[in-house]
Amino acid sequence: RKTSFLLDSLGKQVFSKLVRIDERPFE
């Protein structure tokens, strides 16, 4: 819908380099 400030952000630097986020559905 283009209602995001992070359009086309895939593969781009958004956070500082120390940030890592994972999705863990099987906990």
mmCIF file of all heavy atoms, coordinates in Angstrom:
data_MODEL
# 
_entry.id   MODEL 
# 
loop_
_atom_site.group_PDB 
_atom_site.id 
_atom_site.type_symbol 
_atom_site.label_atom_id 
_atom_site.label_alt_id 
_atom_site.label_comp_id 
_atom_site.label_asym_id 
_atom_site.label_entity_id 
_atom_site.label_seq_id 
_atom_site.pdbx_PDB_ins_code 
_atom_site.Cartn_x 
_atom_site.Cartn_y 
_atom_site.Cartn_z 
_atom_site.occupancy 
_atom_site.B_iso_or_equiv 
_atom_site.pdbx_formal_charge 
_atom_site.auth_seq_id 
_atom_site.auth_comp_id 
_atom_site.auth_asym_id 
_atom_site.auth_atom_id 
_atom_site.pdbx_PDB_model_num 
ATOM 1   N N   . ARG A 1 1  ? 0.824  -1.217  0.000  1.00 0.00 ? 1  ARG A N   1 
ATOM 2   C CA  . ARG A 1 1  ? 0.000  0.000   0.000  1.00 0.00 ? 1  ARG A CA  1 
ATOM 3   C C   . ARG A 1 1  ? 0.855  1.263   0.000  1.00 0.00 ? 1  ARG A C   1 
ATOM 4   O O   . ARG A 1 1  ? 0.329  2.375   -0.074 1.00 0.00 ? 1  ARG A O   1 
ATOM 5   C CB  . ARG A 1 1  ? -0.926 0.022   1.223  1.00 0.00 ? 1  ARG A CB  1 
ATOM 6   C CG  . ARG A 1 1  ? -1.968 -1.085  1.238  1.00 0.00 ? 1  ARG A CG  1 
ATOM 7   C CD  . ARG A 1 1  ? -2.923 -0.919  2.409  1.00 0.00 ? 1  ARG A CD  1 
ATOM 8   N NE  . ARG A 1 1  ? -3.839 -2.029  2.518  1.00 0.00 ? 1  ARG A NE  1 
ATOM 9   C CZ  . ARG A 1 1  ? -3.669 -3.067  3.345  1.00 0.00 ? 1  ARG A CZ  1 
ATOM 10  N NH1 . ARG A 1 1  ? -2.598 -3.116  4.140  1.00 0.00 ? 1  ARG A NH1 1 
ATOM 11  N NH2 . ARG A 1 1  ? -4.542 -4.053  3.376  1.00 0.00 ? 1  ARG A NH2 1 
ATOM 12  N N   . LYS A 1 2  ? 2.166  1.086   0.155  1.00 0.00 ? 2  LYS A N   1 
ATOM 13  C CA  . LYS A 1 2  ? 3.125  2.194   0.190  1.00 0.00 ? 2  LYS A CA  1 
ATOM 14  C C   . LYS A 1 2  ? 2.851  3.146   1.347  1.00 0.00 ? 2  LYS A C   1 
ATOM 15  O O   . LYS A 1 2  ? 2.944  4.379   1.217  1.00 0.00 ? 2  LYS A O   1 
ATOM 16  C CB  . LYS A 1 2  ? 3.148  2.938   -1.146 1.00 0.00 ? 2  LYS A CB  1 
ATOM 17  C CG  . LYS A 1 2  ? 3.555  2.040   -2.308 1.00 0.00 ? 2  LYS A CG  1 
ATOM 18  C CD  . LYS A 1 2  ? 3.776  2.829   -3.576 1.00 0.00 ? 2  LYS A CD  1 
ATOM 19  C CE  . LYS A 1 2  ? 4.125  1.901   -4.746 1.00 0.00 ? 2  LYS A CE  1 
ATOM 20  N NZ  . LYS A 1 2  ? 5.329  1.080   -4.500 1.00 0.00 ? 2  LYS A NZ  1 
ATOM 21  N N   . THR A 1 3  ? 2.511  2.557   2.492  1.00 0.00 ? 3  THR A N   1 
ATOM 22  C CA  . THR A 1 3  ? 2.295  3.339   3.715  1.00 0.00 ? 3  THR A CA  1 
ATOM 23  C C   . THR A 1 3  ? 3.379  3.016   4.738  1.00 0.00 ? 3  THR A C   1 
ATOM 24  O O   . THR A 1 3  ? 3.105  2.884   5.921  1.00 0.00 ? 3  THR A O   1 
ATOM 25  C CB  . THR A 1 3  ? 0.906  3.052   4.309  1.00 0.00 ? 3  THR A CB  1 
ATOM 26  O OG1 . THR A 1 3  ? 0.768  1.632   4.529  1.00 0.00 ? 3  THR A OG1 1 
ATOM 27  C CG2 . THR A 1 3  ? -0.194 3.523   3.381  1.00 0.00 ? 3  THR A CG2 1 
ATOM 28  N N   . SER A 1 4  ? 4.601  2.874   4.277  1.00 0.00 ? 4  SER A N   1 
ATOM 29  C CA  . SER A 1 4  ? 5.721  2.512   5.135  1.00 0.00 ? 4  SER A CA  1 
ATOM 30  C C   . SER A 1 4  ? 6.922  3.397   4.837  1.00 0.00 ? 4  SER A C   1 
ATOM 31  O O   . SER A 1 4  ? 7.183  3.740   3.670  1.00 0.00 ? 4  SER A O   1 
ATOM 32  C CB  . SER A 1 4  ? 6.097  1.042   4.925  1.00 0.00 ? 4  SER A CB  1 
ATOM 33  O OG  . SER A 1 4  ? 7.355  0.762   5.516  1.00 0.00 ? 4  SER A OG  1 
ATOM 34  N N   . PHE A 1 5  ? 7.677  3.744   5.871  1.00 0.00 ? 5  PHE A N   1 
ATOM 35  C CA  . PHE A 1 5  ? 8.906  4.509   5.686  1.00 0.00 ? 5  PHE A CA  1 
ATOM 36  C C   . PHE A 1 5  ? 10.077 3.610   5.291  1.00 0.00 ? 5  PHE A C   1 
ATOM 37  O O   . PHE A 1 5  ? 11.187 4.103   5.080  1.00 0.00 ? 5  PHE A O   1 
ATOM 38  C CB  . PHE A 1 5  ? 9.238  5.307   6.955  1.00 0.00 ? 5  PHE A CB  1 
ATOM 39  C CG  . PHE A 1 5  ? 9.618  4.464   8.142  1.00 0.00 ? 5  PHE A CG  1 
ATOM 40  C CD1 . PHE A 1 5  ? 10.946 4.202   8.435  1.00 0.00 ? 5  PHE A CD1 1 
ATOM 41  C CD2 . PHE A 1 5  ? 8.640  3.938   8.979  1.00 0.00 ? 5  PHE A CD2 1 
ATOM 42  C CE1 . PHE A 1 5  ? 11.300 3.428   9.531  1.00 0.00 ? 5  PHE A CE1 1 
ATOM 43  C CE2 . PHE A 1 5  ? 8.986  3.171   10.079 1.00 0.00 ? 5  PHE A CE2 1 
ATOM 44  C CZ  . PHE A 1 5  ? 10.317 2.910   10.359 1.00 0.00 ? 5  PHE A CZ  1 
ATOM 45  N N   . LEU A 1 6  ? 9.832  2.298   5.189  1.00 0.00 ? 6  LEU A N   1 
ATOM 46  C CA  . LEU A 1 6  ? 10.890 1.367   4.810  1.00 0.00 ? 6  LEU A CA  1 
ATOM 47  C C   . LEU A 1 6  ? 10.566 0.642   3.502  1.00 0.00 ? 6  LEU A C   1 
ATOM 48  O O   . LEU A 1 6  ? 10.834 -0.548  3.357  1.00 0.00 ? 6  LEU A O   1 
ATOM 49  C CB  . LEU A 1 6  ? 11.147 0.353   5.935  1.00 0.00 ? 6  LEU A CB  1 
ATOM 50  C CG  . LEU A 1 6  ? 11.775 0.916   7.214  1.00 0.00 ? 6  LEU A CG  1 
ATOM 51  C CD1 . LEU A 1 6  ? 11.975 -0.182  8.248  1.00 0.00 ? 6  LEU A CD1 1 
ATOM 52  C CD2 . LEU A 1 6  ? 13.094 1.619   6.919  1.00 0.00 ? 6  LEU A CD2 1 
ATOM 53  N N   . LEU A 1 7  ? 10.008 1.362   2.528  1.00 0.00 ? 7  LEU A N   1 
ATOM 54  C CA  . LEU A 1 7  ? 9.742  0.773   1.221  1.00 0.00 ? 7  LEU A CA  1 
ATOM 55  C C   . LEU A 1 7  ? 11.059 0.341   0.568  1.00 0.00 ? 7  LEU A C   1 
ATOM 56  O O   . LEU A 1 7  ? 12.090 1.010   0.697  1.00 0.00 ? 7  LEU A O   1 
ATOM 57  C CB  . LEU A 1 7  ? 9.033  1.781   0.318  1.00 0.00 ? 7  LEU A CB  1 
ATOM 58  C CG  . LEU A 1 7  ? 7.638  2.251   0.749  1.00 0.00 ? 7  LEU A CG  1 
ATOM 59  C CD1 . LEU A 1 7  ? 7.136  3.315   -0.219 1.00 0.00 ? 7  LEU A CD1 1 
ATOM 60  C CD2 . LEU A 1 7  ? 6.672  1.083   0.822  1.00 0.00 ? 7  LEU A CD2 1 
ATOM 61  N N   . ASP A 1 8  ? 11.019 -0.815  -0.094 1.00 0.00 ? 8  ASP A N   1 
ATOM 62  C CA  . ASP A 1 8  ? 12.187 -1.317  -0.833 1.00 0.00 ? 8  ASP A CA  1 
ATOM 63  C C   . ASP A 1 8  ? 13.432 -1.408  0.049  1.00 0.00 ? 8  ASP A C   1 
ATOM 64  O O   . ASP A 1 8  ? 14.545 -1.136  -0.392 1.00 0.00 ? 8  ASP A O   1 
ATOM 65  C CB  . ASP A 1 8  ? 12.485 -0.422  -2.044 1.00 0.00 ? 8  ASP A CB  1 
ATOM 66  C CG  . ASP A 1 8  ? 11.296 -0.308  -2.985 1.00 0.00 ? 8  ASP A CG  1 
ATOM 67  O OD1 . ASP A 1 8  ? 10.677 -1.350  -3.275 1.00 0.00 ? 8  ASP A OD1 1 
ATOM 68  O OD2 . ASP A 1 8  ? 10.991 0.812   -3.414 1.00 0.00 ? 8  ASP A OD2 1 
ATOM 69  N N   . SER A 1 9  ? 13.238 -1.800  1.298  1.00 0.00 ? 9  SER A N   1 
ATOM 70  C CA  . SER A 1 9  ? 14.375 -1.855  2.240  1.00 0.00 ? 9  SER A CA  1 
ATOM 71  C C   . SER A 1 9  ? 15.073 -3.210  2.259  1.00 0.00 ? 9  SER A C   1 
ATOM 72  O O   . SER A 1 9  ? 16.105 -3.357  2.917  1.00 0.00 ? 9  SER A O   1 
ATOM 73  C CB  . SER A 1 9  ? 13.900 -1.513  3.655  1.00 0.00 ? 9  SER A CB  1 
ATOM 74  O OG  . SER A 1 9  ? 12.865 -2.397  4.073  1.00 0.00 ? 9  SER A OG  1 
ATOM 75  N N   . LEU A 1 10 ? 14.536 -4.209  1.551  1.00 0.00 ? 10 LEU A N   1 
ATOM 76  C CA  . LEU A 1 10 ? 15.151 -5.538  1.554  1.00 0.00 ? 10 LEU A CA  1 
ATOM 77  C C   . LEU A 1 10 ? 16.586 -5.449  1.019  1.00 0.00 ? 10 LEU A C   1 
ATOM 78  O O   . LEU A 1 10 ? 16.835 -4.901  -0.058 1.00 0.00 ? 10 LEU A O   1 
ATOM 79  C CB  . LEU A 1 10 ? 14.324 -6.485  0.696  1.00 0.00 ? 10 LEU A CB  1 
ATOM 80  C CG  . LEU A 1 10 ? 14.475 -7.983  0.965  1.00 0.00 ? 10 LEU A CG  1 
ATOM 81  C CD1 . LEU A 1 10 ? 14.025 -8.335  2.370  1.00 0.00 ? 10 LEU A CD1 1 
ATOM 82  C CD2 . LEU A 1 10 ? 13.660 -8.788  -0.046 1.00 0.00 ? 10 LEU A CD2 1 
ATOM 83  N N   . GLY A 1 11 ? 17.515 -5.954  1.800  1.00 0.00 ? 11 GLY A N   1 
ATOM 84  C CA  . GLY A 1 11 ? 18.916 -5.926  1.409  1.00 0.00 ? 11 GLY A CA  1 
ATOM 85  C C   . GLY A 1 11 ? 19.629 -4.629  1.708  1.00 0.00 ? 11 GLY A C   1 
ATOM 86  O O   . GLY A 1 11 ? 20.798 -4.467  1.341  1.00 0.00 ? 11 GLY A O   1 
ATOM 87  N N   . LYS A 1 12 ? 18.938 -3.715  2.396  1.00 0.00 ? 12 LYS A N   1 
ATOM 88  C CA  . LYS A 1 12 ? 19.536 -2.410  2.682  1.00 0.00 ? 12 LYS A CA  1 
ATOM 89  C C   . LYS A 1 12 ? 19.825 -2.240  4.173  1.00 0.00 ? 12 LYS A C   1 
ATOM 90  O O   . LYS A 1 12 ? 19.173 -2.845  5.020  1.00 0.00 ? 12 LYS A O   1 
ATOM 91  C CB  . LYS A 1 12 ? 18.614 -1.293  2.197  1.00 0.00 ? 12 LYS A CB  1 
ATOM 92  C CG  . LYS A 1 12 ? 18.414 -1.289  0.687  1.00 0.00 ? 12 LYS A CG  1 
ATOM 93  C CD  . LYS A 1 12 ? 17.501 -0.170  0.260  1.00 0.00 ? 12 LYS A CD  1 
ATOM 94  C CE  . LYS A 1 12 ? 17.287 -0.176  -1.255 1.00 0.00 ? 12 LYS A CE  1 
ATOM 95  N NZ  . LYS A 1 12 ? 16.357 0.896   -1.698 1.00 0.00 ? 12 LYS A NZ  1 
ATOM 96  N N   . GLN A 1 13 ? 20.805 -1.392  4.476  1.00 0.00 ? 13 GLN A N   1 
ATOM 97  C CA  . GLN A 1 13 ? 21.178 -1.094  5.855  1.00 0.00 ? 13 GLN A CA  1 
ATOM 98  C C   . GLN A 1 13 ? 20.119 -0.187  6.465  1.00 0.00 ? 13 GLN A C   1 
ATOM 99  O O   . GLN A 1 13 ? 19.925 0.945   6.023  1.00 0.00 ? 13 GLN A O   1 
ATOM 100 C CB  . GLN A 1 13 ? 22.533 -0.398  5.897  1.00 0.00 ? 13 GLN A CB  1 
ATOM 101 C CG  . GLN A 1 13 ? 23.110 -0.229  7.286  1.00 0.00 ? 13 GLN A CG  1 
ATOM 102 C CD  . GLN A 1 13 ? 23.952 -1.420  7.713  1.00 0.00 ? 13 GLN A CD  1 
ATOM 103 O OE1 . GLN A 1 13 ? 24.598 -2.042  6.873  1.00 0.00 ? 13 GLN A OE1 1 
ATOM 104 N NE2 . GLN A 1 13 ? 23.944 -1.735  8.987  1.00 0.00 ? 13 GLN A NE2 1 
ATOM 105 N N   . VAL A 1 14 ? 19.431 -0.679  7.495  1.00 0.00 ? 14 VAL A N   1 
ATOM 106 C CA  . VAL A 1 14 ? 18.405 0.090   8.171  1.00 0.00 ? 14 VAL A CA  1 
ATOM 107 C C   . VAL A 1 14 ? 18.807 0.377   9.610  1.00 0.00 ? 14 VAL A C   1 
ATOM 108 O O   . VAL A 1 14 ? 18.587 1.478   10.121 1.00 0.00 ? 14 VAL A O   1 
ATOM 109 C CB  . VAL A 1 14 ? 17.044 -0.641  8.118  1.00 0.00 ? 14 VAL A CB  1 
ATOM 110 C CG1 . VAL A 1 14 ? 16.041 -0.012  9.067  1.00 0.00 ? 14 VAL A CG1 1 
ATOM 111 C CG2 . VAL A 1 14 ? 16.497 -0.622  6.697  1.00 0.00 ? 14 VAL A CG2 1 
ATOM 112 N N   . PHE A 1 15 ? 19.389 -0.607  10.279 1.00 0.00 ? 15 PHE A N   1 
ATOM 113 C CA  . PHE A 1 15 ? 19.848 -0.462  11.657 1.00 0.00 ? 15 PHE A CA  1 
ATOM 114 C C   . PHE A 1 15 ? 21.370 -0.290  11.687 1.00 0.00 ? 15 PHE A C   1 
ATOM 115 O O   . PHE A 1 15 ? 22.050 -0.473  10.675 1.00 0.00 ? 15 PHE A O   1 
ATOM 116 C CB  . PHE A 1 15 ? 19.490 -1.700  12.477 1.00 0.00 ? 15 PHE A CB  1 
ATOM 117 C CG  . PHE A 1 15 ? 18.017 -1.879  12.731 1.00 0.00 ? 15 PHE A CG  1 
ATOM 118 C CD1 . PHE A 1 15 ? 17.231 -2.613  11.853 1.00 0.00 ? 15 PHE A CD1 1 
ATOM 119 C CD2 . PHE A 1 15 ? 17.414 -1.330  13.850 1.00 0.00 ? 15 PHE A CD2 1 
ATOM 120 C CE1 . PHE A 1 15 ? 15.873 -2.799  12.086 1.00 0.00 ? 15 PHE A CE1 1 
ATOM 121 C CE2 . PHE A 1 15 ? 16.059 -1.507  14.096 1.00 0.00 ? 15 PHE A CE2 1 
ATOM 122 C CZ  . PHE A 1 15 ? 15.293 -2.245  13.213 1.00 0.00 ? 15 PHE A CZ  1 
ATOM 123 N N   . SER A 1 16 ? 21.877 0.038   12.872 1.00 0.00 ? 16 SER A N   1 
ATOM 124 C CA  . SER A 1 16 ? 23.321 0.006   13.054 1.00 0.00 ? 16 SER A CA  1 
ATOM 125 C C   . SER A 1 16 ? 23.799 -1.433  12.913 1.00 0.00 ? 16 SER A C   1 
ATOM 126 O O   . SER A 1 16 ? 23.019 -2.377  13.056 1.00 0.00 ? 16 SER A O   1 
ATOM 127 C CB  . SER A 1 16 ? 23.700 0.556   14.432 1.00 0.00 ? 16 SER A CB  1 
ATOM 128 O OG  . SER A 1 16 ? 23.276 -0.330  15.460 1.00 0.00 ? 16 SER A OG  1 
ATOM 129 N N   . LYS A 1 17 ? 25.070 -1.601  12.645 1.00 0.00 ? 17 LYS A N   1 
ATOM 130 C CA  . LYS A 1 17 ? 25.603 -2.923  12.323 1.00 0.00 ? 17 LYS A CA  1 
ATOM 131 C C   . LYS A 1 17 ? 25.537 -3.915  13.484 1.00 0.00 ? 17 LYS A C   1 
ATOM 132 O O   . LYS A 1 17 ? 25.653 -5.116  13.267 1.00 0.00 ? 17 LYS A O   1 
ATOM 133 C CB  . LYS A 1 17 ? 27.038 -2.792  11.829 1.00 0.00 ? 17 LYS A CB  1 
ATOM 134 C CG  . LYS A 1 17 ? 27.150 -2.124  10.463 1.00 0.00 ? 17 LYS A CG  1 
ATOM 135 C CD  . LYS A 1 17 ? 28.579 -2.112  9.954  1.00 0.00 ? 17 LYS A CD  1 
ATOM 136 C CE  . LYS A 1 17 ? 28.647 -1.492  8.566  1.00 0.00 ? 17 LYS A CE  1 
ATOM 137 N NZ  . LYS A 1 17 ? 30.037 -1.482  8.022  1.00 0.00 ? 17 LYS A NZ  1 
ATOM 138 N N   . LEU A 1 18 ? 25.326 -3.433  14.694 1.00 0.00 ? 18 LEU A N   1 
ATOM 139 C CA  . LEU A 1 18 ? 25.294 -4.364  15.831 1.00 0.00 ? 18 LEU A CA  1 
ATOM 140 C C   . LEU A 1 18 ? 23.936 -5.038  16.006 1.00 0.00 ? 18 LEU A C   1 
ATOM 141 O O   . LEU A 1 18 ? 23.778 -5.934  16.835 1.00 0.00 ? 18 LEU A O   1 
ATOM 142 C CB  . LEU A 1 18 ? 25.702 -3.656  17.121 1.00 0.00 ? 18 LEU A CB  1 
ATOM 143 C CG  . LEU A 1 18 ? 24.834 -2.500  17.633 1.00 0.00 ? 18 LEU A CG  1 
ATOM 144 C CD1 . LEU A 1 18 ? 23.646 -2.990  18.443 1.00 0.00 ? 18 LEU A CD1 1 
ATOM 145 C CD2 . LEU A 1 18 ? 25.673 -1.550  18.467 1.00 0.00 ? 18 LEU A CD2 1 
ATOM 146 N N   . VAL A 1 19 ? 22.929 -4.639  15.202 1.00 0.00 ? 19 VAL A N   1 
ATOM 147 C CA  . VAL A 1 19 ? 21.566 -5.161  15.384 1.00 0.00 ? 19 VAL A CA  1 
ATOM 148 C C   . VAL A 1 19 ? 21.361 -6.425  14.566 1.00 0.00 ? 19 VAL A C   1 
ATOM 149 O O   . VAL A 1 19 ? 21.615 -6.465  13.364 1.00 0.00 ? 19 VAL A O   1 
ATOM 150 C CB  . VAL A 1 19 ? 20.519 -4.101  14.995 1.00 0.00 ? 19 VAL A CB  1 
ATOM 151 C CG1 . VAL A 1 19 ? 19.115 -4.707  15.023 1.00 0.00 ? 19 VAL A CG1 1 
ATOM 152 C CG2 . VAL A 1 19 ? 20.598 -2.912  15.941 1.00 0.00 ? 19 VAL A CG2 1 
ATOM 153 N N   . ARG A 1 20 ? 20.856 -7.455  15.268 1.00 0.00 ? 20 ARG A N   1 
ATOM 154 C CA  . ARG A 1 20 ? 20.481 -8.721  14.635 1.00 0.00 ? 20 ARG A CA  1 
ATOM 155 C C   . ARG A 1 20 ? 19.117 -9.136  15.182 1.00 0.00 ? 20 ARG A C   1 
ATOM 156 O O   . ARG A 1 20 ? 18.898 -9.183  16.396 1.00 0.00 ? 20 ARG A O   1 
ATOM 157 C CB  . ARG A 1 20 ? 21.519 -9.799  14.928 1.00 0.00 ? 20 ARG A CB  1 
ATOM 158 C CG  . ARG A 1 20 ? 21.078 -11.201 14.535 1.00 0.00 ? 20 ARG A CG  1 
ATOM 159 C CD  . ARG A 1 20 ? 22.175 -12.211 14.750 1.00 0.00 ? 20 ARG A CD  1 
ATOM 160 N NE  . ARG A 1 20 ? 21.700 -13.573 14.540 1.00 0.00 ? 20 ARG A NE  1 
ATOM 161 C CZ  . ARG A 1 20 ? 22.474 -14.636 14.421 1.00 0.00 ? 20 ARG A CZ  1 
ATOM 162 N NH1 . ARG A 1 20 ? 23.791 -14.501 14.484 1.00 0.00 ? 20 ARG A NH1 1 
ATOM 163 N NH2 . ARG A 1 20 ? 21.963 -15.837 14.233 1.00 0.00 ? 20 ARG A NH2 1 
ATOM 164 N N   . ILE A 1 21 ? 18.196 -9.426  14.278 1.00 0.00 ? 21 ILE A N   1 
ATOM 165 C CA  . ILE A 1 21 ? 16.854 -9.866  14.661 1.00 0.00 ? 21 ILE A CA  1 
ATOM 166 C C   . ILE A 1 21 ? 16.544 -11.169 13.939 1.00 0.00 ? 21 ILE A C   1 
ATOM 167 O O   . ILE A 1 21 ? 16.737 -11.272 12.722 1.00 0.00 ? 21 ILE A O   1 
ATOM 168 C CB  . ILE A 1 21 ? 15.795 -8.802  14.313 1.00 0.00 ? 21 ILE A CB  1 
ATOM 169 C CG1 . ILE A 1 21 ? 16.091 -7.480  15.021 1.00 0.00 ? 21 ILE A CG1 1 
ATOM 170 C CG2 . ILE A 1 21 ? 14.398 -9.298  14.699 1.00 0.00 ? 21 ILE A CG2 1 
ATOM 171 C CD1 . ILE A 1 21 ? 15.158 -6.342  14.627 1.00 0.00 ? 21 ILE A CD1 1 
ATOM 172 N N   . ASP A 1 22 ? 16.071 -12.162 14.677 1.00 0.00 ? 22 ASP A N   1 
ATOM 173 C CA  . ASP A 1 22 ? 15.708 -13.457 14.114 1.00 0.00 ? 22 ASP A CA  1 
ATOM 174 C C   . ASP A 1 22 ? 14.253 -13.772 14.396 1.00 0.00 ? 22 ASP A C   1 
ATOM 175 O O   . ASP A 1 22 ? 13.687 -13.338 15.413 1.00 0.00 ? 22 ASP A O   1 
ATOM 176 C CB  . ASP A 1 22 ? 16.572 -14.566 14.713 1.00 0.00 ? 22 ASP A CB  1 
ATOM 177 C CG  . ASP A 1 22 ? 18.034 -14.453 14.316 1.00 0.00 ? 22 ASP A CG  1 
ATOM 178 O OD1 . ASP A 1 22 ? 18.319 -14.492 13.117 1.00 0.00 ? 22 ASP A OD1 1 
ATOM 179 O OD2 . ASP A 1 22 ? 18.888 -14.305 15.209 1.00 0.00 ? 22 ASP A OD2 1 
ATOM 180 N N   . GLU A 1 23 ? 13.657 -14.557 13.503 1.00 0.00 ? 23 GLU A N   1 
ATOM 181 C CA  . GLU A 1 23 ? 12.317 -15.096 13.733 1.00 0.00 ? 23 GLU A CA  1 
ATOM 182 C C   . GLU A 1 23 ? 12.462 -16.576 14.060 1.00 0.00 ? 23 GLU A C   1 
ATOM 183 O O   . GLU A 1 23 ? 13.074 -17.325 13.298 1.00 0.00 ? 23 GLU A O   1 
ATOM 184 C CB  . GLU A 1 23 ? 11.428 -14.912 12.509 1.00 0.00 ? 23 GLU A CB  1 
ATOM 185 C CG  . GLU A 1 23 ? 9.985  -15.374 12.760 1.00 0.00 ? 23 GLU A CG  1 
ATOM 186 C CD  . GLU A 1 23 ? 9.063  -15.103 11.588 1.00 0.00 ? 23 GLU A CD  1 
ATOM 187 O OE1 . GLU A 1 23 ? 9.539  -15.123 10.442 1.00 0.00 ? 23 GLU A OE1 1 
ATOM 188 O OE2 . GLU A 1 23 ? 7.863  -14.886 11.832 1.00 0.00 ? 23 GLU A OE2 1 
ATOM 189 N N   . ARG A 1 24 ? 11.894 -16.979 15.213 1.00 0.00 ? 24 ARG A N   1 
ATOM 190 C CA  . ARG A 1 24 ? 12.072 -18.345 15.704 1.00 0.00 ? 24 ARG A CA  1 
ATOM 191 C C   . ARG A 1 24 ? 10.713 -18.971 16.034 1.00 0.00 ? 24 ARG A C   1 
ATOM 192 O O   . ARG A 1 24 ? 10.288 -19.008 17.194 1.00 0.00 ? 24 ARG A O   1 
ATOM 193 C CB  . ARG A 1 24 ? 12.969 -18.355 16.944 1.00 0.00 ? 24 ARG A CB  1 
ATOM 194 C CG  . ARG A 1 24 ? 14.364 -17.788 16.672 1.00 0.00 ? 24 ARG A CG  1 
ATOM 195 C CD  . ARG A 1 24 ? 15.205 -17.727 17.924 1.00 0.00 ? 24 ARG A CD  1 
ATOM 196 N NE  . ARG A 1 24 ? 16.515 -17.129 17.658 1.00 0.00 ? 24 ARG A NE  1 
ATOM 197 C CZ  . ARG A 1 24 ? 17.399 -16.811 18.609 1.00 0.00 ? 24 ARG A CZ  1 
ATOM 198 N NH1 . ARG A 1 24 ? 17.097 -17.009 19.885 1.00 0.00 ? 24 ARG A NH1 1 
ATOM 199 N NH2 . ARG A 1 24 ? 18.557 -16.266 18.281 1.00 0.00 ? 24 ARG A NH2 1 
ATOM 200 N N   . PRO A 1 25 ? 10.027 -19.495 15.039 1.00 0.00 ? 25 PRO A N   1 
ATOM 201 C CA  . PRO A 1 25 ? 8.660  -19.996 15.247 1.00 0.00 ? 25 PRO A CA  1 
ATOM 202 C C   . PRO A 1 25 ? 8.576  -21.303 16.011 1.00 0.00 ? 25 PRO A C   1 
ATOM 203 O O   . PRO A 1 25 ? 7.486  -21.685 16.450 1.00 0.00 ? 25 PRO A O   1 
ATOM 204 C CB  . PRO A 1 25 ? 8.132  -20.168 13.824 1.00 0.00 ? 25 PRO A CB  1 
ATOM 205 C CG  . PRO A 1 25 ? 9.353  -20.376 12.995 1.00 0.00 ? 25 PRO A CG  1 
ATOM 206 C CD  . PRO A 1 25 ? 10.426 -19.551 13.621 1.00 0.00 ? 25 PRO A CD  1 
ATOM 207 N N   . PHE A 1 26 ? 9.700  -22.011 16.181 1.00 0.00 ? 26 PHE A N   1 
ATOM 208 C CA  . PHE A 1 26 ? 9.630  -23.347 16.764 1.00 0.00 ? 26 PHE A CA  1 
ATOM 209 C C   . PHE A 1 26 ? 10.074 -23.398 18.223 1.00 0.00 ? 26 PHE A C   1 
ATOM 210 O O   . PHE A 1 26 ? 10.355 -24.479 18.753 1.00 0.00 ? 26 PHE A O   1 
ATOM 211 C CB  . PHE A 1 26 ? 10.463 -24.327 15.933 1.00 0.00 ? 26 PHE A CB  1 
ATOM 212 C CG  . PHE A 1 26 ? 10.051 -24.373 14.495 1.00 0.00 ? 26 PHE A CG  1 
ATOM 213 C CD1 . PHE A 1 26 ? 10.954 -24.066 13.488 1.00 0.00 ? 26 PHE A CD1 1 
ATOM 214 C CD2 . PHE A 1 26 ? 8.755  -24.689 14.132 1.00 0.00 ? 26 PHE A CD2 1 
ATOM 215 C CE1 . PHE A 1 26 ? 10.582 -24.092 12.159 1.00 0.00 ? 26 PHE A CE1 1 
ATOM 216 C CE2 . PHE A 1 26 ? 8.364  -24.718 12.805 1.00 0.00 ? 26 PHE A CE2 1 
ATOM 217 C CZ  . PHE A 1 26 ? 9.272  -24.418 11.812 1.00 0.00 ? 26 PHE A CZ  1 
ATOM 218 N N   . GLU A 1 27 ? 10.145 -22.255 18.895 1.00 0.00 ? 27 GLU A N   1 
ATOM 219 C CA  . GLU A 1 27 ? 10.503 -22.266 20.311 1.00 0.00 ? 27 GLU A CA  1 
ATOM 220 C C   . GLU A 1 27 ? 9.406  -22.974 21.104 1.00 0.00 ? 27 GLU A C   1 
ATOM 221 O O   . GLU A 1 27 ? 8.231  -22.611 21.028 1.00 0.00 ? 27 GLU A O   1 
ATOM 222 C CB  . GLU A 1 27 ? 10.678 -20.846 20.825 1.00 0.00 ? 27 GLU A CB  1 
ATOM 223 C CG  . GLU A 1 27 ? 11.931 -20.157 20.313 1.00 0.00 ? 27 GLU A CG  1 
ATOM 224 C CD  . GLU A 1 27 ? 12.177 -18.828 21.001 1.00 0.00 ? 27 GLU A CD  1 
ATOM 225 O OE1 . GLU A 1 27 ? 11.280 -18.359 21.738 1.00 0.00 ? 27 GLU A OE1 1 
ATOM 226 O OE2 . GLU A 1 27 ? 13.271 -18.260 20.807 1.00 0.00 ? 27 GLU A OE2 1 
# 
